[in-house]
Amino acid sequence: MSENYAYPLEPEWEIEEITTVVALYTAVETAFLNGIDRQLFLNQYRDFKQIVKSKSEEKQLTKRFLQASGFDMYVAVKAAQASNRKRIGPLSK
C-alpha cells in the first residue's frame, strides 16, 4: 500500500456520483484511522448503494479499494451494521 493511491472509479460516472463514492471511501479510511459516527457512515453507504446497485460491482470496487489503500470497505460496513454504538472504529486492518 502506498500513501498516494487512486480511488477505484468508473469512467461512466457523473461528477455527483464520483463525489458520493469518494465520500464513502473517505469514510472507510476515517473509520479505520480515527473512528466515525456510525449513522453518518451508514448514510454514506446508503448513498453509495444508490450508485453501485449490483452486489458484484460492489465486490469488485471493494476489492480494488482494498488493494489500493489497504482498507477493507466490507469490514467497515459490517462493523457499522452490527453495532448499536454511536461511533465505529478505529478499526483494525
C-alpha atoms as a PDB file:
ATOM      1  CA  MET A   1       0.000   0.000   0.000  1.00  0.00           C
ATOM      2  CA  SER A   2       1.162   3.473  -0.885  1.00  0.00           C
ATOM      3  CA  GLU A   3       0.195   6.684   0.866  1.00  0.00           C
ATOM      4  CA  ASN A   4      -0.680   8.030  -2.589  1.00  0.00           C
ATOM      5  CA  TYR A   5      -3.193   5.881  -4.363  1.00  0.00           C
ATOM      6  CA  ALA A   6      -6.080   6.336  -6.744  1.00  0.00           C
ATOM      7  CA  TYR A   7      -9.625   5.545  -5.723  1.00  0.00           C
ATOM      8  CA  PRO A   8     -11.340   2.972  -7.938  1.00  0.00           C
ATOM      9  CA  LEU A   9     -13.871   4.892 -10.024  1.00  0.00           C
ATOM     10  CA  GLU A  10     -15.854   4.105 -13.145  1.00  0.00           C
ATOM     11  CA  PRO A  11     -15.435   6.338 -16.218  1.00  0.00           C
ATOM     12  CA  GLU A  12     -19.164   6.477 -16.921  1.00  0.00           C
ATOM     13  CA  TRP A  13     -19.989   8.034 -13.522  1.00  0.00           C
ATOM     14  CA  GLU A  14     -21.150  11.635 -13.356  1.00  0.00           C
ATOM     15  CA  ILE A  15     -19.378  14.147 -11.086  1.00  0.00           C
ATOM     16  CA  GLU A  16     -22.073  13.824  -8.400  1.00  0.00           C
ATOM     17  CA  GLU A  17     -21.729  10.040  -8.435  1.00  0.00           C
ATOM     18  CA  ILE A  18     -17.946  10.269  -8.131  1.00  0.00           C
ATOM     19  CA  THR A  19     -18.335  12.670  -5.210  1.00  0.00           C
ATOM     20  CA  THR A  20     -20.687  10.237  -3.451  1.00  0.00           C
ATOM     21  CA  VAL A  21     -18.405   7.233  -3.976  1.00  0.00           C
ATOM     22  CA  VAL A  22     -15.315   9.170  -2.854  1.00  0.00           C
ATOM     23  CA  ALA A  23     -17.222  10.247   0.288  1.00  0.00           C
ATOM     24  CA  LEU A  24     -17.695   6.585   1.202  1.00  0.00           C
ATOM     25  CA  TYR A  25     -14.045   5.750   0.507  1.00  0.00           C
ATOM     26  CA  THR A  26     -13.041   8.636   2.766  1.00  0.00           C
ATOM     27  CA  ALA A  27     -15.474   7.446   5.443  1.00  0.00           C
ATOM     28  CA  VAL A  28     -13.930   3.962   5.312  1.00  0.00           C
ATOM     29  CA  GLU A  29     -10.455   5.446   5.778  1.00  0.00           C
ATOM     30  CA  THR A  30     -11.723   7.557   8.677  1.00  0.00           C
ATOM     31  CA  ALA A  31     -13.391   4.537  10.292  1.00  0.00           C
ATOM     32  CA  PHE A  32     -10.081   2.681  10.290  1.00  0.00           C
ATOM     33  CA  LEU A  33      -7.839   5.577  11.294  1.00  0.00           C
ATOM     34  CA  ASN A  34      -9.883   7.633  13.769  1.00  0.00           C
ATOM     35  CA  GLY A  35     -13.372   6.222  14.050  1.00  0.00           C
ATOM     36  CA  ILE A  36     -16.516   7.768  12.583  1.00  0.00           C
ATOM     37  CA  ASP A  37     -20.109   8.476  13.539  1.00  0.00           C
ATOM     38  CA  ARG A  38     -21.962   5.260  12.777  1.00  0.00           C
ATOM     39  CA  GLN A  39     -25.087   6.910  11.324  1.00  0.00           C
ATOM     40  CA  LEU A  40     -23.015   9.195   9.080  1.00  0.00           C
ATOM     41  CA  PHE A  41     -21.150   6.147   7.786  1.00  0.00           C
ATOM     42  CA  LEU A  42     -24.369   4.211   7.153  1.00  0.00           C
ATOM     43  CA  ASN A  43     -25.869   7.206   5.327  1.00  0.00           C
ATOM     44  CA  GLN A  44     -22.826   7.424   3.071  1.00  0.00           C
ATOM     45  CA  TYR A  45     -23.024   3.691   2.390  1.00  0.00           C
ATOM     46  CA  ARG A  46     -26.736   4.036   1.539  1.00  0.00           C
ATOM     47  CA  ASP A  47     -25.897   6.847  -0.913  1.00  0.00           C
ATOM     48  CA  PHE A  48     -23.110   4.705  -2.413  1.00  0.00           C
ATOM     49  CA  LYS A  49     -25.607   1.870  -2.951  1.00  0.00           C
ATOM     50  CA  GLN A  50     -27.795   4.228  -4.999  1.00  0.00           C
ATOM     51  CA  ILE A  51     -24.926   4.402  -7.497  1.00  0.00           C
ATOM     52  CA  VAL A  52     -23.460   0.906  -7.140  1.00  0.00           C
ATOM     53  CA  LYS A  53     -26.602  -1.206  -7.112  1.00  0.00           C
ATOM     54  CA  SER A  54     -25.134  -4.546  -8.163  1.00  0.00           C
ATOM     55  CA  LYS A  55     -23.533  -6.709  -5.482  1.00  0.00           C
ATOM     56  CA  SER A  56     -20.903  -7.922  -7.962  1.00  0.00           C
ATOM     57  CA  GLU A  57     -19.869  -4.360  -8.852  1.00  0.00           C
ATOM     58  CA  GLU A  58     -19.697  -3.507  -5.138  1.00  0.00           C
ATOM     59  CA  LYS A  59     -17.455  -6.524  -4.540  1.00  0.00           C
ATOM     60  CA  GLN A  60     -15.170  -5.519  -7.418  1.00  0.00           C
ATOM     61  CA  LEU A  61     -14.867  -1.942  -6.140  1.00  0.00           C
ATOM     62  CA  THR A  62     -14.302  -3.173  -2.573  1.00  0.00           C
ATOM     63  CA  LYS A  63     -11.502  -5.441  -3.773  1.00  0.00           C
ATOM     64  CA  ARG A  64      -9.882  -2.694  -5.856  1.00  0.00           C
ATOM     65  CA  PHE A  65     -10.144  -0.230  -2.961  1.00  0.00           C
ATOM     66  CA  LEU A  66      -8.565  -2.757  -0.567  1.00  0.00           C
ATOM     67  CA  GLN A  67      -5.711  -3.443  -2.987  1.00  0.00           C
ATOM     68  CA  ALA A  68      -5.038   0.275  -3.468  1.00  0.00           C
ATOM     69  CA  SER A  69      -5.489   1.508   0.088  1.00  0.00           C
ATOM     70  CA  GLY A  70      -5.207  -1.429   2.463  1.00  0.00           C
ATOM     71  CA  PHE A  71      -8.616  -0.516   3.966  1.00  0.00           C
ATOM     72  CA  ASP A  72     -11.363  -3.137   3.758  1.00  0.00           C
ATOM     73  CA  MET A  73     -14.702  -1.497   2.990  1.00  0.00           C
ATOM     74  CA  TYR A  74     -16.503  -4.771   3.749  1.00  0.00           C
ATOM     75  CA  VAL A  75     -15.128  -4.812   7.317  1.00  0.00           C
ATOM     76  CA  ALA A  76     -16.176  -1.194   7.895  1.00  0.00           C
ATOM     77  CA  VAL A  77     -19.691  -1.735   6.540  1.00  0.00           C
ATOM     78  CA  LYS A  78     -20.205  -4.899   8.601  1.00  0.00           C
ATOM     79  CA  ALA A  79     -18.909  -3.157  11.747  1.00  0.00           C
ATOM     80  CA  ALA A  80     -21.370  -0.297  11.234  1.00  0.00           C
ATOM     81  CA  GLN A  81     -24.291  -2.619  10.529  1.00  0.00           C
ATOM     82  CA  ALA A  82     -23.567  -4.872  13.504  1.00  0.00           C
ATOM     83  CA  SER A  83     -23.003  -2.120  16.055  1.00  0.00           C
ATOM     84  CA  ASN A  84     -25.519  -0.190  18.077  1.00  0.00           C
ATOM     85  CA  ARG A  85     -22.925   2.295  19.314  1.00  0.00           C
ATOM     86  CA  LYS A  86     -22.832   5.922  18.201  1.00  0.00           C
ATOM     87  CA  ARG A  87     -19.339   5.578  16.684  1.00  0.00           C
ATOM     88  CA  ILE A  88     -17.444   2.803  14.974  1.00  0.00           C
ATOM     89  CA  GLY A  89     -13.680   2.468  14.998  1.00  0.00           C
ATOM     90  CA  PRO A  90     -10.914   2.988  14.902  1.00  0.00           C
ATOM     91  CA  LEU A  91     -10.928  -0.381  13.176  1.00  0.00           C
ATOM     92  CA  SER A  92      -8.015  -2.774  12.770  1.00  0.00           C
ATOM     93  CA  LYS A  93      -6.662  -3.564   9.343  1.00  0.00           C
END
